[in-house]
Amino acid sequence: MPTNLSGIHSASRMQRAMQQSPIPEMIADLAAGNITPASSIAELRMRYRTDRLCEGEAKACMTHACRAHAAAVGSVLVVTDDEGKICFGYVPDPGLDTDDPEMATVFQLLGKTIDAGHAAGIVAARPTTDTSSSVEYPVFAMPAFEYEHAHGQAVGAYGTYVISFRITVARPTPSSTPTG
């Protein structure tokens, strides 16, 4: 009677699947500069079209490729808006646990990259029935790269989520206009 070593079979299945996917080619292309960690999913689907990647597969493959590339070139921590549209900034990833006291300085540096007034604008735009006064900013680990403001979507798609922090702002009070 054969022994079922599902962990071994699962690991070998994952390894075969990865080798048969475009991940190794993506890793090589990242290293060669043919693609960047901020390449769009549409660009990836076009470049690796012989693999007939759907959007979800392209995203998953690029996530794996970015993790491997980060292991080779180093990583940065990138802060985005909660909708994953805006990349505010990035700092070198010290590789520490998020609760390590030295990470407080890293998170302070990331917080300073957020556009002044962004959280206030988000809170002010909320309906009056929404009484929350804080805005969440997710932080992702990504390969070292010069991320720009418009790279938020790629960071949210391919990055490894690390933590989120909140910025609390004073809720605007309705201005009273004299009637008369």
N, C-alpha and C. Protein backbone atom coordinates (compact mmCIF):
# COMPACT_ATOMS: atom_id res chain seq x y z
N MET A 1 0.84 -1.17 0.00
CA MET A 1 0.00 0.00 0.00
C MET A 1 0.89 1.24 0.00
N PRO A 2 0.70 2.18 -0.97
CA PRO A 2 1.56 3.35 -1.04
C PRO A 2 1.30 4.31 0.12
N THR A 3 2.37 4.92 0.56
CA THR A 3 2.27 5.91 1.63
C THR A 3 1.96 7.26 0.99
N ASN A 4 1.00 7.95 1.55
CA ASN A 4 0.62 9.26 1.02
C ASN A 4 1.40 10.34 1.77
N LEU A 5 2.33 10.93 1.09
CA LEU A 5 3.11 12.04 1.65
C LEU A 5 2.66 13.31 0.94
N SER A 6 1.45 13.77 1.29
CA SER A 6 0.84 14.88 0.56
C SER A 6 1.69 16.13 0.55
N GLY A 7 2.41 16.39 1.62
CA GLY A 7 3.27 17.57 1.64
C GLY A 7 4.35 17.51 0.58
N ILE A 8 4.94 16.33 0.40
CA ILE A 8 5.98 16.16 -0.62
C ILE A 8 5.38 16.28 -2.01
N HIS A 9 4.24 15.61 -2.22
CA HIS A 9 3.59 15.68 -3.54
C HIS A 9 3.16 17.11 -3.85
N SER A 10 2.63 17.79 -2.85
CA SER A 10 2.20 19.17 -3.04
C SER A 10 3.37 20.07 -3.38
N ALA A 11 4.48 19.92 -2.67
CA ALA A 11 5.65 20.75 -2.93
C ALA A 11 6.20 20.48 -4.32
N SER A 12 6.27 19.23 -4.72
CA SER A 12 6.80 18.94 -6.06
C SER A 12 5.84 19.42 -7.14
N ARG A 13 4.53 19.36 -6.88
CA ARG A 13 3.54 19.86 -7.84
C ARG A 13 3.70 21.37 -8.00
N MET A 14 3.89 22.07 -6.88
CA MET A 14 4.07 23.53 -6.95
C MET A 14 5.35 23.88 -7.70
N GLN A 15 6.41 23.12 -7.45
CA GLN A 15 7.69 23.38 -8.12
C GLN A 15 7.55 23.16 -9.64
N ARG A 16 6.89 22.09 -10.04
CA ARG A 16 6.67 21.82 -11.47
C ARG A 16 5.82 22.92 -12.10
N ALA A 17 4.77 23.31 -11.40
CA ALA A 17 3.89 24.36 -11.93
C ALA A 17 4.64 25.66 -12.12
N MET A 18 5.51 25.99 -11.17
CA MET A 18 6.27 27.23 -11.27
C MET A 18 7.24 27.17 -12.45
N GLN A 19 7.90 26.05 -12.63
CA GLN A 19 8.87 25.91 -13.73
C GLN A 19 8.18 25.92 -15.09
N GLN A 20 6.91 25.50 -15.15
CA GLN A 20 6.18 25.47 -16.41
C GLN A 20 5.46 26.79 -16.68
N SER A 21 5.51 27.69 -15.74
CA SER A 21 4.86 29.00 -15.88
C SER A 21 5.88 30.00 -16.41
N PRO A 22 5.45 31.23 -16.68
CA PRO A 22 6.40 32.27 -17.10
C PRO A 22 7.22 32.88 -15.96
N ILE A 23 7.06 32.37 -14.73
CA ILE A 23 7.76 32.96 -13.59
C ILE A 23 9.27 32.99 -13.79
N PRO A 24 9.93 31.89 -14.19
CA PRO A 24 11.38 31.97 -14.38
C PRO A 24 11.79 33.02 -15.42
N GLU A 25 11.00 33.13 -16.49
CA GLU A 25 11.29 34.13 -17.52
C GLU A 25 11.06 35.55 -16.98
N MET A 26 10.02 35.71 -16.17
CA MET A 26 9.75 37.03 -15.56
C MET A 26 10.90 37.43 -14.64
N ILE A 27 11.40 36.48 -13.86
CA ILE A 27 12.52 36.77 -12.96
C ILE A 27 13.74 37.21 -13.77
N ALA A 28 14.01 36.49 -14.85
CA ALA A 28 15.14 36.85 -15.72
C ALA A 28 14.93 38.21 -16.36
N ASP A 29 13.69 38.48 -16.79
CA ASP A 29 13.39 39.77 -17.42
C ASP A 29 13.48 40.92 -16.41
N LEU A 30 13.09 40.69 -15.17
CA LEU A 30 13.26 41.71 -14.13
C LEU A 30 14.75 42.00 -13.93
N ALA A 31 15.55 40.95 -13.84
CA ALA A 31 16.99 41.12 -13.63
C ALA A 31 17.65 41.84 -14.80
N ALA A 32 17.18 41.57 -16.02
CA ALA A 32 17.75 42.19 -17.21
C ALA A 32 17.19 43.58 -17.48
N GLY A 33 16.15 43.98 -16.75
CA GLY A 33 15.54 45.29 -16.97
C GLY A 33 14.56 45.31 -18.12
N ASN A 34 14.17 44.15 -18.63
CA ASN A 34 13.20 44.09 -19.74
C ASN A 34 11.79 44.42 -19.27
N ILE A 35 11.50 44.13 -18.01
CA ILE A 35 10.25 44.54 -17.36
C ILE A 35 10.65 45.13 -16.01
N THR A 36 9.72 45.83 -15.39
CA THR A 36 9.98 46.41 -14.07
C THR A 36 8.94 45.89 -13.08
N PRO A 37 9.19 46.07 -11.80
CA PRO A 37 8.17 45.68 -10.82
C PRO A 37 6.88 46.50 -10.94
N ALA A 38 6.90 47.53 -11.76
CA ALA A 38 5.71 48.37 -11.95
C ALA A 38 5.07 48.14 -13.32
N SER A 39 5.47 47.09 -14.04
CA SER A 39 4.87 46.79 -15.34
C SER A 39 3.39 46.47 -15.14
N SER A 40 2.59 46.91 -16.09
CA SER A 40 1.14 46.69 -15.98
C SER A 40 0.80 45.24 -16.31
N ILE A 41 -0.35 44.82 -15.83
CA ILE A 41 -0.82 43.46 -16.13
C ILE A 41 -1.02 43.31 -17.63
N ALA A 42 -1.53 44.35 -18.29
CA ALA A 42 -1.71 44.29 -19.75
C ALA A 42 -0.37 44.07 -20.45
N GLU A 43 0.67 44.77 -19.99
CA GLU A 43 2.00 44.59 -20.57
C GLU A 43 2.51 43.17 -20.37
N LEU A 44 2.29 42.63 -19.19
CA LEU A 44 2.72 41.26 -18.90
C LEU A 44 1.97 40.25 -19.75
N ARG A 45 0.66 40.44 -19.89
CA ARG A 45 -0.13 39.51 -20.70
C ARG A 45 0.32 39.55 -22.16
N MET A 46 0.70 40.72 -22.64
CA MET A 46 1.17 40.85 -24.01
C MET A 46 2.56 40.22 -24.16
N ARG A 47 3.43 40.48 -23.23
CA ARG A 47 4.81 39.97 -23.31
C ARG A 47 4.86 38.45 -23.20
N TYR A 48 4.01 37.89 -22.35
CA TYR A 48 4.01 36.44 -22.12
C TYR A 48 2.75 35.81 -22.71
N ARG A 49 2.33 36.29 -23.87
CA ARG A 49 1.07 35.84 -24.47
C ARG A 49 1.08 34.38 -24.90
N THR A 50 2.27 33.80 -25.17
CA THR A 50 2.29 32.39 -25.54
C THR A 50 1.82 31.52 -24.38
N ASP A 51 1.88 32.07 -23.16
CA ASP A 51 1.39 31.33 -22.00
C ASP A 51 -0.11 31.54 -21.78
N ARG A 52 -0.71 32.43 -22.58
CA ARG A 52 -2.15 32.72 -22.51
C ARG A 52 -2.60 32.97 -21.07
N LEU A 53 -1.95 33.93 -20.47
CA LEU A 53 -2.24 34.26 -19.08
C LEU A 53 -3.52 35.07 -18.96
N CYS A 54 -4.37 34.69 -18.03
CA CYS A 54 -5.49 35.56 -17.71
C CYS A 54 -4.95 36.62 -16.73
N GLU A 55 -5.76 37.58 -16.41
CA GLU A 55 -5.31 38.67 -15.53
C GLU A 55 -4.84 38.15 -14.17
N GLY A 56 -5.60 37.23 -13.60
CA GLY A 56 -5.24 36.68 -12.29
C GLY A 56 -3.94 35.90 -12.32
N GLU A 57 -3.71 35.14 -13.39
CA GLU A 57 -2.47 34.38 -13.52
C GLU A 57 -1.27 35.31 -13.69
N ALA A 58 -1.45 36.36 -14.50
CA ALA A 58 -0.35 37.32 -14.70
C ALA A 58 0.02 37.97 -13.38
N LYS A 59 -0.99 38.34 -12.61
CA LYS A 59 -0.75 38.97 -11.31
C LYS A 59 -0.03 37.99 -10.36
N ALA A 60 -0.51 36.76 -10.29
CA ALA A 60 0.09 35.78 -9.38
C ALA A 60 1.53 35.47 -9.79
N CYS A 61 1.77 35.30 -11.08
CA CYS A 61 3.13 35.01 -11.55
C CYS A 61 4.07 36.17 -11.26
N MET A 62 3.61 37.39 -11.49
CA MET A 62 4.46 38.55 -11.25
C MET A 62 4.72 38.73 -9.76
N THR A 63 3.76 38.39 -8.92
CA THR A 63 3.98 38.46 -7.48
C THR A 63 5.13 37.54 -7.08
N HIS A 64 5.11 36.31 -7.60
CA HIS A 64 6.20 35.36 -7.30
C HIS A 64 7.53 35.86 -7.86
N ALA A 65 7.49 36.40 -9.08
CA ALA A 65 8.71 36.92 -9.70
C ALA A 65 9.27 38.10 -8.90
N CYS A 66 8.41 38.98 -8.42
CA CYS A 66 8.86 40.13 -7.62
C CYS A 66 9.49 39.67 -6.31
N ARG A 67 8.92 38.65 -5.69
CA ARG A 67 9.50 38.14 -4.44
C ARG A 67 10.89 37.58 -4.69
N ALA A 68 11.04 36.83 -5.77
CA ALA A 68 12.35 36.26 -6.09
C ALA A 68 13.34 37.36 -6.44
N HIS A 69 12.89 38.35 -7.20
CA HIS A 69 13.76 39.46 -7.59
C HIS A 69 14.19 40.27 -6.36
N ALA A 70 13.26 40.47 -5.42
CA ALA A 70 13.58 41.20 -4.19
C ALA A 70 14.64 40.45 -3.38
N ALA A 71 14.58 39.14 -3.40
CA ALA A 71 15.59 38.35 -2.68
C ALA A 71 16.97 38.56 -3.30
N ALA A 72 17.00 38.84 -4.60
CA ALA A 72 18.28 39.02 -5.30
C ALA A 72 18.81 40.45 -5.21
N VAL A 73 17.91 41.45 -5.30
CA VAL A 73 18.37 42.84 -5.37
C VAL A 73 18.08 43.66 -4.12
N GLY A 74 17.35 43.09 -3.19
CA GLY A 74 16.96 43.83 -2.00
C GLY A 74 15.53 44.34 -2.15
N SER A 75 14.95 44.70 -1.03
CA SER A 75 13.56 45.14 -1.08
C SER A 75 13.40 46.50 -0.42
N VAL A 76 12.26 47.09 -0.73
CA VAL A 76 11.87 48.36 -0.14
C VAL A 76 10.46 48.20 0.41
N LEU A 77 10.10 49.06 1.33
CA LEU A 77 8.73 49.12 1.82
C LEU A 77 8.07 50.30 1.13
N VAL A 78 6.90 50.05 0.57
CA VAL A 78 6.19 51.05 -0.23
C VAL A 78 4.84 51.31 0.40
N VAL A 79 4.48 52.58 0.57
CA VAL A 79 3.17 52.93 1.11
C VAL A 79 2.29 53.45 -0.03
N THR A 80 1.04 52.95 -0.04
CA THR A 80 0.08 53.36 -1.07
C THR A 80 -1.19 53.87 -0.39
N ASP A 81 -2.09 54.39 -1.20
CA ASP A 81 -3.40 54.73 -0.67
C ASP A 81 -4.20 53.44 -0.54
N ASP A 82 -5.30 53.50 0.17
CA ASP A 82 -6.10 52.31 0.44
C ASP A 82 -6.72 51.72 -0.83
N GLU A 83 -6.89 52.52 -1.85
CA GLU A 83 -7.47 52.04 -3.11
C GLU A 83 -6.41 51.48 -4.05
N GLY A 84 -5.15 51.59 -3.67
CA GLY A 84 -4.08 51.06 -4.51
C GLY A 84 -3.88 51.82 -5.80
N LYS A 85 -4.14 53.09 -5.80
CA LYS A 85 -3.95 53.91 -7.00
C LYS A 85 -2.69 54.76 -6.92
N ILE A 86 -2.36 55.20 -5.71
CA ILE A 86 -1.25 56.15 -5.53
C ILE A 86 -0.12 55.49 -4.74
N CYS A 87 1.07 55.63 -5.24
CA CYS A 87 2.27 55.23 -4.49
C CYS A 87 2.84 56.52 -3.91
N PHE A 88 2.85 56.62 -2.59
CA PHE A 88 3.33 57.84 -1.96
C PHE A 88 4.84 57.87 -1.82
N GLY A 89 5.42 56.74 -1.47
CA GLY A 89 6.86 56.72 -1.28
C GLY A 89 7.35 55.36 -0.83
N TYR A 90 8.65 55.27 -0.69
CA TYR A 90 9.26 54.00 -0.29
C TYR A 90 10.55 54.27 0.47
N VAL A 91 10.91 53.30 1.29
CA VAL A 91 12.15 53.35 2.06
C VAL A 91 12.79 51.96 2.01
N PRO A 92 14.09 51.88 2.22
CA PRO A 92 14.73 50.56 2.26
C PRO A 92 14.08 49.68 3.33
N ASP A 93 13.92 48.42 3.02
CA ASP A 93 13.33 47.46 3.95
C ASP A 93 14.42 46.92 4.86
N PRO A 94 14.34 47.22 6.16
CA PRO A 94 15.38 46.72 7.06
C PRO A 94 15.23 45.23 7.38
N GLY A 95 14.13 44.62 6.95
CA GLY A 95 13.92 43.19 7.17
C GLY A 95 13.60 42.82 8.60
N LEU A 96 13.10 43.76 9.37
CA LEU A 96 12.77 43.51 10.76
C LEU A 96 11.29 43.18 10.90
N ASP A 97 10.93 42.55 12.00
CA ASP A 97 9.52 42.31 12.29
C ASP A 97 8.83 43.65 12.47
N THR A 98 7.56 43.70 12.12
CA THR A 98 6.83 44.97 12.20
C THR A 98 6.71 45.50 13.62
N ASP A 99 6.80 44.62 14.61
CA ASP A 99 6.70 45.09 16.00
C ASP A 99 8.06 45.40 16.63
N ASP A 100 9.12 45.31 15.83
CA ASP A 100 10.44 45.67 16.33
C ASP A 100 10.48 47.18 16.56
N PRO A 101 11.00 47.64 17.68
CA PRO A 101 11.01 49.09 17.98
C PRO A 101 11.69 49.93 16.89
N GLU A 102 12.69 49.38 16.20
CA GLU A 102 13.37 50.13 15.14
C GLU A 102 12.46 50.41 13.95
N MET A 103 11.37 49.63 13.81
CA MET A 103 10.46 49.84 12.69
C MET A 103 9.64 51.12 12.85
N ALA A 104 9.52 51.62 14.06
CA ALA A 104 8.77 52.87 14.28
C ALA A 104 9.37 53.99 13.44
N THR A 105 10.68 54.07 13.38
CA THR A 105 11.35 55.09 12.58
C THR A 105 11.05 54.90 11.09
N VAL A 106 11.04 53.65 10.65
CA VAL A 106 10.75 53.34 9.25
C VAL A 106 9.33 53.78 8.91
N PHE A 107 8.38 53.46 9.78
CA PHE A 107 7.00 53.84 9.51
C PHE A 107 6.81 55.36 9.57
N GLN A 108 7.57 56.04 10.44
CA GLN A 108 7.51 57.50 10.47
C GLN A 108 8.00 58.08 9.15
N LEU A 109 9.09 57.52 8.62
CA LEU A 109 9.59 57.98 7.32
C LEU A 109 8.57 57.75 6.21
N LEU A 110 7.92 56.58 6.23
CA LEU A 110 6.89 56.31 5.23
C LEU A 110 5.72 57.28 5.38
N GLY A 111 5.32 57.54 6.61
CA GLY A 111 4.22 58.48 6.86
C GLY A 111 4.51 59.87 6.32
N LYS A 112 5.77 60.28 6.37
CA LYS A 112 6.15 61.61 5.87
C LYS A 112 6.07 61.69 4.35
N THR A 113 6.04 60.54 3.66
CA THR A 113 5.96 60.58 2.19
C THR A 113 4.53 60.78 1.69
N ILE A 114 3.56 60.64 2.58
CA ILE A 114 2.16 60.79 2.17
C ILE A 114 1.86 62.27 1.97
N ASP A 115 1.23 62.56 0.85
CA ASP A 115 0.91 63.94 0.50
C ASP A 115 0.16 64.62 1.64
N ALA A 116 0.64 65.81 1.98
CA ALA A 116 -0.03 66.59 3.02
C ALA A 116 -1.46 66.85 2.58
N GLY A 117 -2.38 66.61 3.45
CA GLY A 117 -3.78 66.87 3.14
C GLY A 117 -4.51 65.69 2.51
N HIS A 118 -3.81 64.63 2.14
CA HIS A 118 -4.49 63.50 1.51
C HIS A 118 -5.54 62.90 2.44
N ALA A 119 -5.16 62.58 3.68
CA ALA A 119 -6.10 61.98 4.62
C ALA A 119 -7.24 62.94 4.92
N ALA A 120 -6.93 64.22 5.08
CA ALA A 120 -7.98 65.21 5.35
C ALA A 120 -8.97 65.29 4.19
N GLY A 121 -8.46 65.21 2.96
CA GLY A 121 -9.34 65.24 1.79
C GLY A 121 -10.25 64.03 1.71
N ILE A 122 -9.71 62.86 2.08
CA ILE A 122 -10.51 61.63 2.07
C ILE A 122 -11.62 61.72 3.12
N VAL A 123 -11.25 62.14 4.32
CA VAL A 123 -12.23 62.25 5.41
C VAL A 123 -13.29 63.29 5.06
N ALA A 124 -12.88 64.41 4.50
CA ALA A 124 -13.84 65.47 4.15
C ALA A 124 -14.80 65.02 3.06
N ALA A 125 -14.37 64.13 2.19
CA ALA A 125 -15.21 63.68 1.09
C ALA A 125 -16.20 62.59 1.50
N ARG A 126 -16.05 62.05 2.69
CA ARG A 126 -16.96 61.00 3.16
C ARG A 126 -18.33 61.58 3.46
N PRO A 127 -19.36 60.77 3.31
CA PRO A 127 -20.69 61.26 3.67
C PRO A 127 -20.75 61.60 5.16
N THR A 128 -21.63 62.50 5.51
CA THR A 128 -21.72 62.94 6.90
C THR A 128 -22.13 61.80 7.83
N THR A 129 -22.74 60.76 7.28
CA THR A 129 -23.12 59.61 8.11
C THR A 129 -21.92 58.76 8.49
N ASP A 130 -20.81 58.92 7.77
CA ASP A 130 -19.57 58.21 8.09
C ASP A 130 -18.78 59.06 9.08
N THR A 131 -18.72 58.61 10.31
CA THR A 131 -18.09 59.41 11.35
C THR A 131 -16.61 59.08 11.57
N SER A 132 -16.06 58.16 10.80
CA SER A 132 -14.65 57.81 10.99
C SER A 132 -13.76 58.99 10.59
N SER A 133 -12.67 59.12 11.32
CA SER A 133 -11.78 60.25 11.05
C SER A 133 -10.36 59.79 10.76
N SER A 134 -10.21 58.53 10.35
CA SER A 134 -8.87 58.04 10.03
C SER A 134 -8.87 57.42 8.64
N VAL A 135 -7.69 57.38 8.06
CA VAL A 135 -7.51 56.82 6.72
C VAL A 135 -6.41 55.77 6.81
N GLU A 136 -6.65 54.63 6.19
CA GLU A 136 -5.70 53.52 6.23
C GLU A 136 -4.73 53.60 5.05
N TYR A 137 -3.47 53.32 5.34
CA TYR A 137 -2.42 53.31 4.32
C TYR A 137 -1.67 51.98 4.38
N PRO A 138 -1.87 51.10 3.39
CA PRO A 138 -1.17 49.81 3.40
C PRO A 138 0.30 49.96 2.98
N VAL A 139 1.12 49.08 3.54
CA VAL A 139 2.55 49.04 3.25
C VAL A 139 2.87 47.68 2.64
N PHE A 140 3.60 47.69 1.53
CA PHE A 140 3.96 46.47 0.82
C PHE A 140 5.47 46.37 0.70
N ALA A 141 5.97 45.14 0.69
CA ALA A 141 7.37 44.89 0.37
C ALA A 141 7.45 44.63 -1.13
N MET A 142 8.40 45.29 -1.78
CA MET A 142 8.60 45.18 -3.22
C MET A 142 10.10 45.16 -3.51
N PRO A 143 10.47 44.69 -4.71
CA PRO A 143 11.89 44.75 -5.07
C PRO A 143 12.36 46.20 -5.13
N ALA A 144 13.63 46.42 -4.82
CA ALA A 144 14.20 47.77 -4.90
C ALA A 144 14.03 48.30 -6.32
N PHE A 145 13.47 49.50 -6.42
CA PHE A 145 13.14 50.13 -7.71
C PHE A 145 12.76 51.57 -7.42
N GLU A 146 12.82 52.43 -8.41
CA GLU A 146 12.42 53.83 -8.27
C GLU A 146 10.91 53.96 -8.52
N TYR A 147 10.12 53.75 -7.50
CA TYR A 147 8.66 53.81 -7.64
C TYR A 147 8.19 55.25 -7.75
N GLU A 148 7.22 55.44 -8.63
CA GLU A 148 6.65 56.77 -8.87
C GLU A 148 5.21 56.80 -8.36
N HIS A 149 4.66 58.00 -8.31
CA HIS A 149 3.30 58.23 -7.81
C HIS A 149 2.28 57.31 -8.49
N ALA A 150 2.41 57.09 -9.78
CA ALA A 150 1.44 56.32 -10.55
C ALA A 150 1.60 54.81 -10.41
N HIS A 151 2.57 54.34 -9.65
CA HIS A 151 2.84 52.90 -9.53
C HIS A 151 2.03 52.21 -8.43
N GLY A 152 1.10 52.91 -7.81
CA GLY A 152 0.33 52.33 -6.72
C GLY A 152 -0.42 51.06 -7.08
N GLN A 153 -0.97 51.02 -8.29
CA GLN A 153 -1.72 49.84 -8.71
C GLN A 153 -0.82 48.62 -8.82
N ALA A 154 0.37 48.78 -9.40
CA ALA A 154 1.30 47.66 -9.53
C ALA A 154 1.78 47.20 -8.15
N VAL A 155 2.05 48.14 -7.26
CA VAL A 155 2.50 47.78 -5.91
C VAL A 155 1.42 46.99 -5.19
N GLY A 156 0.18 47.45 -5.30
CA GLY A 156 -0.93 46.73 -4.67
C GLY A 156 -1.18 45.37 -5.29
N ALA A 157 -0.90 45.24 -6.58
CA ALA A 157 -1.14 43.97 -7.27
C ALA A 157 -0.05 42.95 -6.99
N TYR A 158 1.22 43.36 -7.01
CA TYR A 158 2.33 42.40 -6.93
C TYR A 158 3.05 42.39 -5.59
N GLY A 159 2.83 43.40 -4.78
CA GLY A 159 3.58 43.51 -3.53
C GLY A 159 3.13 42.52 -2.48
N THR A 160 4.00 42.29 -1.54
CA THR A 160 3.69 41.45 -0.39
C THR A 160 3.25 42.37 0.73
N TYR A 161 1.99 42.22 1.12
CA TYR A 161 1.43 43.08 2.17
C TYR A 161 2.21 42.87 3.46
N VAL A 162 2.58 43.97 4.11
CA VAL A 162 3.33 43.91 5.35
C VAL A 162 2.47 44.35 6.53
N ILE A 163 1.88 45.52 6.41
CA ILE A 163 1.11 46.10 7.52
C ILE A 163 0.38 47.33 6.97
N SER A 164 -0.59 47.81 7.71
CA SER A 164 -1.23 49.09 7.40
C SER A 164 -1.10 49.99 8.61
N PHE A 165 -1.07 51.27 8.36
CA PHE A 165 -1.15 52.20 9.48
C PHE A 165 -2.21 53.22 9.14
N ARG A 166 -2.71 53.86 10.17
CA ARG A 166 -3.80 54.84 10.01
C ARG A 166 -3.32 56.22 10.38
N ILE A 167 -3.83 57.17 9.64
CA ILE A 167 -3.60 58.57 9.97
C ILE A 167 -4.96 59.15 10.35
N THR A 168 -5.01 59.72 11.52
CA THR A 168 -6.25 60.29 12.02
C THR A 168 -6.19 61.80 11.82
N VAL A 169 -7.29 62.33 11.32
CA VAL A 169 -7.38 63.78 11.10
C VAL A 169 -8.67 64.28 11.75
N ALA A 170 -8.69 65.56 12.03
CA ALA A 170 -9.88 66.17 12.60
C ALA A 170 -11.00 66.16 11.56
N ARG A 171 -12.14 65.74 11.95
CA ARG A 171 -13.30 65.71 11.07
C ARG A 171 -13.75 67.15 10.82
N PRO A 172 -13.97 67.53 9.56
CA PRO A 172 -14.39 68.92 9.30
C PRO A 172 -15.78 69.19 9.88
N THR A 173 -15.93 70.38 10.37
CA THR A 173 -17.25 70.76 10.89
C THR A 173 -17.97 71.54 9.81
N PRO A 174 -19.26 71.31 9.68
CA PRO A 174 -19.99 72.06 8.65
C PRO A 174 -19.93 73.55 8.94
N SER A 175 -19.64 74.30 7.90
CA SER A 175 -19.56 75.74 8.10
C SER A 175 -20.97 76.31 8.18
N SER A 176 -21.13 77.18 9.09
CA SER A 176 -22.48 77.77 9.22
C SER A 176 -22.50 79.08 8.45
N THR A 177 -23.53 79.23 7.70
CA THR A 177 -23.68 80.46 6.95
C THR A 177 -24.86 81.24 7.53
N PRO A 178 -24.64 82.48 7.76
CA PRO A 178 -25.73 83.26 8.35
C PRO A 178 -26.89 83.39 7.38
N THR A 179 -28.05 83.29 7.91
CA THR A 179 -29.24 83.49 7.10
C THR A 179 -29.84 84.82 7.48
N GLY A 180 -30.46 85.41 6.59
CA GLY A 180 -30.93 86.68 7.06
C GLY A 180 -31.75 87.38 6.17
